[in-house]
Amino acid sequence: MFCPKCAAEYATDVKKCPECNLKLVPDPPQREQPQFVEWTCVFEHRNPGPVAMAESLLQSKNIEYVVRDQNTIDTALIAPVKLCVKPEYATRAKKLLDKL
């Protein structure tokens, strides 16, 4: 038996989820599959200063982003840090970061 809310599994003689206070069901609830998000890289730099400025600008415009290839001191000269956004924000983000 499964809780339809928290998906906890219980023995067949248990009728209610003690956490959610809901009636149990025989099958586990179907969980929504996470959506794959394709990110578009809009900025890259080896220097942490401009990267921090770019992050601040994206945050100020509520543009969600991810950081790729985050450098440590040892790898700063090898690969640049990349800031990537969802494709629908790419043009806007590139314009925003163009002067950096």
Foldseek 3Di string as FASTA:
>chain_A
DADAPPRDDDDPVDQADPVPRHGGDPDGHDDDDDDDFDWAWQDWDLDVPLVVVLVVQCVVVVFDWDKPPDDDPVCSVPGTITIIGGPVCRVVSNVSSVVD
